[in-house]
Amino acid sequence: MDAQRFELGLKADGYTEIETKSFEPRPANGEHGHHFSVRGLVLDGAFTVLRGDTAKTFGPGEIFAVPEGEMHCEAIGARGARVLVGRRY
């Protein structure tokens, strides 16, 4: 997925906070939910979303989404990650 096309899609779907974030490598953080929906495009590295007992790792060009209020954890791969992310309130 192209970053520019992804960002246009975020805006069209009502995602108002859009930024590129860099993450250092780390194990899963604690289970939590957000008061907003998140959609992200992995630009570099590996970003893992854990939902209950299921983990899915996303690499460059892959998109993940976490709906508002869904309990989950996130882990960052050994090389870190750079993610274009949008939030919809």
C-alpha atoms as a PDB file:
ATOM      1  CA  MET A   1       0.000   0.000   0.000  1.00  0.00           C
ATOM      2  CA  ASP A   2       1.252   3.453  -0.935  1.00  0.00           C
ATOM      3  CA  ALA A   3       1.516   5.882   2.041  1.00  0.00           C
ATOM      4  CA  GLN A   4      -0.074   8.785   0.162  1.00  0.00           C
ATOM      5  CA  ARG A   5      -3.053   6.688  -0.950  1.00  0.00           C
ATOM      6  CA  PHE A   6      -3.390   5.287   2.581  1.00  0.00           C
ATOM      7  CA  GLU A   7      -3.466   8.792   4.085  1.00  0.00           C
ATOM      8  CA  LEU A   8      -6.129   9.910   1.599  1.00  0.00           C
ATOM      9  CA  GLY A   9      -8.198   6.873   2.625  1.00  0.00           C
ATOM     10  CA  LEU A  10      -7.821   7.764   6.298  1.00  0.00           C
ATOM     11  CA  LYS A  11      -9.083  11.280   5.673  1.00  0.00           C
ATOM     12  CA  ALA A  12     -11.996  10.012   3.572  1.00  0.00           C
ATOM     13  CA  ASP A  13     -12.984   7.658   6.419  1.00  0.00           C
ATOM     14  CA  GLY A  14     -12.957  10.406   9.078  1.00  0.00           C
ATOM     15  CA  TYR A  15      -9.544   9.853  10.661  1.00  0.00           C
ATOM     16  CA  THR A  16      -8.492  13.318  11.815  1.00  0.00           C
ATOM     17  CA  GLU A  17      -5.221  12.743  13.694  1.00  0.00           C
ATOM     18  CA  ILE A  18      -2.712  11.397  11.190  1.00  0.00           C
ATOM     19  CA  GLU A  19       1.007  11.090  11.905  1.00  0.00           C
ATOM     20  CA  THR A  20       4.065   8.962  11.285  1.00  0.00           C
ATOM     21  CA  LYS A  21       5.333   7.397  14.501  1.00  0.00           C
ATOM     22  CA  SER A  22       8.635   5.648  15.150  1.00  0.00           C
ATOM     23  CA  PHE A  23       8.764   2.901  17.768  1.00  0.00           C
ATOM     24  CA  GLU A  24      11.771   1.353  19.472  1.00  0.00           C
ATOM     25  CA  PRO A  25      11.805  -2.447  19.842  1.00  0.00           C
ATOM     26  CA  ARG A  26       9.807  -3.662  22.858  1.00  0.00           C
ATOM     27  CA  PRO A  27       7.766  -6.597  24.103  1.00  0.00           C
ATOM     28  CA  ALA A  28       3.994  -6.327  24.350  1.00  0.00           C
ATOM     29  CA  ASN A  29       2.656  -3.516  26.472  1.00  0.00           C
ATOM     30  CA  GLY A  30      -0.227  -4.099  28.841  1.00  0.00           C
ATOM     31  CA  GLU A  31      -3.710  -4.890  27.583  1.00  0.00           C
ATOM     32  CA  HIS A  32      -5.660  -1.707  26.993  1.00  0.00           C
ATOM     33  CA  GLY A  33      -8.316  -0.045  24.835  1.00  0.00           C
ATOM     34  CA  HIS A  34      -8.542   3.425  23.302  1.00  0.00           C
ATOM     35  CA  HIS A  35     -11.363   5.969  23.191  1.00  0.00           C
ATOM     36  CA  PHE A  36     -10.734   6.207  19.432  1.00  0.00           C
ATOM     37  CA  SER A  37     -10.315   3.867  16.460  1.00  0.00           C
ATOM     38  CA  VAL A  38      -6.816   3.336  15.053  1.00  0.00           C
ATOM     39  CA  ARG A  39      -5.719   2.363  11.564  1.00  0.00           C
ATOM     40  CA  GLY A  40      -2.037   2.093  10.672  1.00  0.00           C
ATOM     41  CA  LEU A  41       0.189   1.344   7.710  1.00  0.00           C
ATOM     42  CA  VAL A  42       3.553  -0.190   8.623  1.00  0.00           C
ATOM     43  CA  LEU A  43       6.260   1.639   6.686  1.00  0.00           C
ATOM     44  CA  ASP A  44       9.307  -0.137   8.174  1.00  0.00           C
ATOM     45  CA  GLY A  45       9.947  -2.884  10.723  1.00  0.00           C
ATOM     46  CA  ALA A  46       7.342  -5.050  12.427  1.00  0.00           C
ATOM     47  CA  PHE A  47       4.283  -4.091  14.477  1.00  0.00           C
ATOM     48  CA  THR A  48       2.328  -6.816  16.305  1.00  0.00           C
ATOM     49  CA  VAL A  49      -1.234  -6.504  17.567  1.00  0.00           C
ATOM     50  CA  LEU A  50      -2.326  -9.050  20.192  1.00  0.00           C
ATOM     51  CA  ARG A  51      -6.033  -9.650  20.759  1.00  0.00           C
ATOM     52  CA  GLY A  52      -6.635 -12.185  23.513  1.00  0.00           C
ATOM     53  CA  ASP A  53      -4.568 -15.243  22.589  1.00  0.00           C
ATOM     54  CA  THR A  54      -4.147 -14.208  18.950  1.00  0.00           C
ATOM     55  CA  ALA A  55      -1.158 -12.213  17.721  1.00  0.00           C
ATOM     56  CA  LYS A  56      -0.726 -10.877  14.195  1.00  0.00           C
ATOM     57  CA  THR A  57       2.479  -9.236  13.026  1.00  0.00           C
ATOM     58  CA  PHE A  58       2.305  -6.614  10.295  1.00  0.00           C
ATOM     59  CA  GLY A  59       5.266  -5.718   8.109  1.00  0.00           C
ATOM     60  CA  PRO A  60       5.983  -2.990   5.554  1.00  0.00           C
ATOM     61  CA  GLY A  61       2.997  -2.288   3.332  1.00  0.00           C
ATOM     62  CA  GLU A  62       0.500  -4.014   5.625  1.00  0.00           C
ATOM     63  CA  ILE A  63      -2.425  -2.311   7.355  1.00  0.00           C
ATOM     64  CA  PHE A  64      -3.809  -2.970  10.835  1.00  0.00           C
ATOM     65  CA  ALA A  65      -6.895  -1.598  12.540  1.00  0.00           C
ATOM     66  CA  VAL A  66      -8.101  -1.556  16.133  1.00  0.00           C
ATOM     67  CA  PRO A  67     -11.701  -0.421  16.749  1.00  0.00           C
ATOM     68  CA  GLU A  68     -12.545   1.988  19.538  1.00  0.00           C
ATOM     69  CA  GLY A  69     -12.655   0.219  22.905  1.00  0.00           C
ATOM     70  CA  GLU A  70     -11.234  -3.122  21.713  1.00  0.00           C
ATOM     71  CA  MET A  71      -8.865  -4.602  24.294  1.00  0.00           C
ATOM     72  CA  HIS A  72      -5.442  -5.373  22.813  1.00  0.00           C
ATOM     73  CA  CYS A  73      -1.664  -5.165  23.308  1.00  0.00           C
ATOM     74  CA  GLU A  74       1.053  -4.021  20.908  1.00  0.00           C
ATOM     75  CA  ALA A  75       4.621  -5.268  20.499  1.00  0.00           C
ATOM     76  CA  ILE A  76       7.404  -3.852  18.333  1.00  0.00           C
ATOM     77  CA  GLY A  77       9.862  -6.058  16.431  1.00  0.00           C
ATOM     78  CA  ALA A  78      13.619  -6.261  16.992  1.00  0.00           C
ATOM     79  CA  ARG A  79      14.368  -3.552  14.389  1.00  0.00           C
ATOM     80  CA  GLY A  80      11.679  -1.202  15.683  1.00  0.00           C
ATOM     81  CA  ALA A  81       8.876   0.082  13.493  1.00  0.00           C
ATOM     82  CA  ARG A  82       7.766   3.171  11.627  1.00  0.00           C
ATOM     83  CA  VAL A  83       4.001   3.447  11.195  1.00  0.00           C
ATOM     84  CA  LEU A  84       1.698   5.937   9.465  1.00  0.00           C
ATOM     85  CA  VAL A  85      -1.237   5.988  11.875  1.00  0.00           C
ATOM     86  CA  GLY A  86      -4.617   7.655  12.006  1.00  0.00           C
ATOM     87  CA  ARG A  87      -7.077   8.100  14.855  1.00  0.00           C
ATOM     88  CA  ARG A  88     -10.832   8.556  14.494  1.00  0.00           C
ATOM     89  CA  TYR A  89     -12.778   9.922  17.467  1.00  0.00           C
END
